[in-house]
């Protein structure tokens, strides 16, 4: 069985030569020098444009705004007005006071998945006035796992930023 001799690539030879320059030779007369690496081909200049490039269109869903003036897509004006005025009763509440951000994230996900599975329409999540959970909650609600379950989000009252009401999508058969 014969062994095939493998050659080093140009990149490997350059790396080995750079490493070899850092070493002190014990026997200077027996050193084997590697040939210098070949010159890289010249890079053609980038074409100049007379106008700036067009922006790319992002195809992901837009994040859910908190209490916009217009009704979100898929929700009629009447239901949106009732939801914002708290005339749709919250069927369940989740209080996150005293939770760490990690635990709160898990609780929110489980709470919304359970509520949606039980065909609940409106739920409320109480974050409190703390900065971390209240700031992270919109990001959690826009996550790919929860976003399809949610139809709309609103604060129950303009001065109460420590709670969020969530209108869940109905399960269609």
Protein backbone atom coordinates (compact mmCIF):
# COMPACT_ATOMS: atom_id res chain seq x y z
CA UNK A 1 0.00 0.00 0.00
CA UNK A 2 1.60 3.28 -1.04
CA UNK A 3 1.08 6.50 0.80
CA UNK A 4 0.30 9.58 -1.19
CA UNK A 5 2.34 12.63 -0.29
CA UNK A 6 0.16 15.64 0.53
CA UNK A 7 1.34 19.09 -0.43
CA UNK A 8 0.73 22.11 1.79
CA UNK A 9 -1.58 24.76 0.42
CA UNK A 10 -0.22 28.26 -0.15
CA UNK A 11 -2.04 29.48 2.95
CA UNK A 12 -0.58 26.67 5.08
CA UNK A 13 2.92 27.37 3.70
CA UNK A 14 2.61 31.08 4.56
CA UNK A 15 1.40 30.24 8.06
CA UNK A 16 4.22 27.74 8.57
CA UNK A 17 6.81 30.25 7.30
CA UNK A 18 5.48 32.93 9.70
CA UNK A 19 5.69 30.44 12.56
CA UNK A 20 9.19 29.39 11.51
CA UNK A 21 10.44 32.98 11.73
CA UNK A 22 9.57 33.02 15.43
CA UNK A 23 11.80 30.03 16.21
CA UNK A 24 15.51 29.94 17.06
CA UNK A 25 17.39 27.34 15.05
CA UNK A 26 19.50 24.81 16.93
CA UNK A 27 21.47 23.88 13.83
CA UNK A 28 21.55 26.92 11.51
CA UNK A 29 23.31 25.16 8.63
CA UNK A 30 20.57 22.55 8.20
CA UNK A 31 17.62 24.90 7.87
CA UNK A 32 15.24 24.30 4.99
CA UNK A 33 13.72 27.44 3.57
CA UNK A 34 10.26 27.44 2.08
CA UNK A 35 9.68 29.25 -1.19
CA UNK A 36 7.96 32.64 -0.84
CA UNK A 37 4.19 32.51 -1.28
CA UNK A 38 2.87 33.53 -4.68
CA UNK A 39 1.50 37.04 -5.09
CA UNK A 40 -2.28 37.14 -4.75
CA UNK A 41 -4.13 38.13 -7.91
CA UNK A 42 -5.07 41.82 -8.07
CA UNK A 43 -8.57 42.62 -6.87
CA UNK A 44 -10.59 44.46 -9.50
CA UNK A 45 -11.93 47.81 -8.28
CA UNK A 46 -15.56 47.87 -7.24
CA UNK A 47 -17.83 49.49 -9.78
CA UNK A 48 -18.87 52.99 -8.81
CA UNK A 49 -22.54 53.77 -8.68
CA UNK A 50 -24.13 57.00 -9.68
CA UNK A 51 -26.89 56.48 -7.10
CA UNK A 52 -26.96 54.80 -3.66
CA UNK A 53 -28.05 51.16 -3.47
CA UNK A 54 -31.72 50.51 -2.92
CA UNK A 55 -32.67 49.47 0.61
CA UNK A 56 -33.53 45.84 1.17
CA UNK A 57 -37.08 45.03 2.14
CA UNK A 58 -37.36 43.04 5.33
CA UNK A 59 -39.95 40.29 5.03
CA UNK A 60 -40.28 39.54 8.74
CA UNK A 61 -43.41 40.58 10.58
CA UNK A 62 -43.38 44.05 12.04
CA UNK A 63 -43.23 44.17 15.84
CA UNK A 64 -46.47 44.65 17.71
CA UNK A 65 -46.85 48.26 18.80
CA UNK A 66 -48.25 48.98 22.24
CA UNK A 67 -51.66 50.67 21.89
CA UNK A 68 -51.56 52.22 18.42
CA UNK A 69 -54.40 54.52 17.43
CA UNK A 70 -55.59 52.41 14.51
CA UNK A 71 -56.86 48.87 14.98
CA UNK A 72 -54.26 46.19 14.19
CA UNK A 73 -54.71 44.07 11.08
CA UNK A 74 -57.26 41.33 11.62
CA UNK A 75 -59.17 43.27 14.28
CA UNK A 76 -62.24 45.41 13.68
CA UNK A 77 -62.53 48.94 15.11
CA UNK A 78 -65.31 48.00 17.52
CA UNK A 79 -63.37 45.15 19.13
CA UNK A 80 -60.23 47.29 19.24
CA UNK A 81 -62.12 50.11 21.02
CA UNK A 82 -63.59 47.63 23.54
CA UNK A 83 -60.17 46.07 24.13
CA UNK A 84 -58.47 49.43 24.73
CA UNK A 85 -61.29 50.62 27.01
CA UNK A 86 -61.01 47.41 29.08
CA UNK A 87 -64.54 46.35 28.23
CA UNK A 88 -63.23 42.92 27.27
CA UNK A 89 -62.61 41.24 30.61
CA UNK A 90 -59.20 39.69 31.23
CA UNK A 91 -59.83 35.99 31.76
CA UNK A 92 -56.47 35.36 33.45
CA UNK A 93 -53.66 37.39 35.01
CA UNK A 94 -49.97 36.70 35.41
CA UNK A 95 -48.16 38.69 38.09
CA UNK A 96 -44.39 38.86 37.54
CA UNK A 97 -43.49 40.78 40.70
CA UNK A 98 -40.39 39.28 42.28
CA UNK A 99 -39.41 37.20 39.23
CA UNK A 100 -36.00 37.24 37.63
CA UNK A 101 -35.94 38.04 33.91
CA UNK A 102 -35.18 34.43 32.97
CA UNK A 103 -37.95 33.02 35.11
CA UNK A 104 -40.38 35.72 33.95
CA UNK A 105 -39.66 34.90 30.31
CA UNK A 106 -40.44 31.23 30.91
CA UNK A 107 -43.60 32.10 32.85
CA UNK A 108 -44.85 34.46 30.12
CA UNK A 109 -44.31 31.88 27.39
CA UNK A 110 -46.06 29.10 29.35
CA UNK A 111 -48.88 31.41 30.44
CA UNK A 112 -49.69 32.59 26.91
CA UNK A 113 -49.42 29.11 25.37
CA UNK A 114 -51.74 27.71 28.06
CA UNK A 115 -54.21 30.58 27.75
CA UNK A 116 -54.33 30.20 23.97
CA UNK A 117 -54.79 26.44 24.31
CA UNK A 118 -57.71 27.02 26.69
CA UNK A 119 -59.36 29.36 24.12
CA UNK A 120 -59.00 32.45 26.31
CA UNK A 121 -59.45 35.73 24.44
CA UNK A 122 -57.95 38.38 26.71
CA UNK A 123 -55.25 38.04 29.38
CA UNK A 124 -53.25 40.50 31.46
CA UNK A 125 -49.57 40.40 32.35
CA UNK A 126 -48.53 42.52 35.33
CA UNK A 127 -44.85 43.44 35.12
CA UNK A 128 -44.73 46.09 37.79
CA UNK A 129 -42.77 49.29 37.42
CA UNK A 130 -39.40 47.50 37.29
CA UNK A 131 -37.29 48.36 34.30
CA UNK A 132 -35.92 44.99 33.18
CA UNK A 133 -39.06 42.87 32.79
CA UNK A 134 -41.19 45.77 31.49
CA UNK A 135 -38.51 46.58 28.91
CA UNK A 136 -38.03 42.96 27.82
CA UNK A 137 -41.72 41.96 27.64
CA UNK A 138 -42.37 43.42 24.14
CA UNK A 139 -39.35 41.49 22.84
CA UNK A 140 -40.65 38.27 24.37
CA UNK A 141 -44.12 38.82 22.90
CA UNK A 142 -42.61 39.35 19.43
CA UNK A 143 -40.62 36.11 19.57
CA UNK A 144 -41.43 33.63 16.79
CA UNK A 145 -43.05 31.18 19.21
CA UNK A 146 -45.52 33.67 20.71
CA UNK A 147 -46.14 36.21 17.94
CA UNK A 148 -48.61 34.00 16.00
CA UNK A 149 -50.77 33.62 19.12
CA UNK A 150 -51.19 37.37 19.72
CA UNK A 151 -53.64 39.64 17.93
CA UNK A 152 -53.13 42.90 19.86
CA UNK A 153 -51.37 44.39 22.88
CA UNK A 154 -52.36 47.41 24.96
CA UNK A 155 -51.66 49.02 28.30
CA UNK A 156 -54.81 49.04 30.42
CA UNK A 157 -54.33 52.70 31.24
CA UNK A 158 -52.02 55.35 29.80
CA UNK A 159 -50.57 56.12 33.26
CA UNK A 160 -50.22 52.45 34.23
CA UNK A 161 -47.19 51.13 32.36
CA UNK A 162 -46.80 48.25 34.83
CA UNK A 163 -49.40 46.03 33.14
CA UNK A 164 -50.06 44.85 29.61
CA UNK A 165 -53.27 43.42 28.21
CA UNK A 166 -52.92 40.82 25.44
CA UNK A 167 -55.69 39.91 23.01
CA UNK A 168 -55.10 36.37 21.80
CA UNK A 169 -56.06 35.00 18.40
CA UNK A 170 -58.93 32.57 18.22
CA UNK A 171 -58.24 28.99 17.29
CA UNK A 172 -59.98 28.30 14.00
CA UNK A 173 -61.08 24.78 13.23
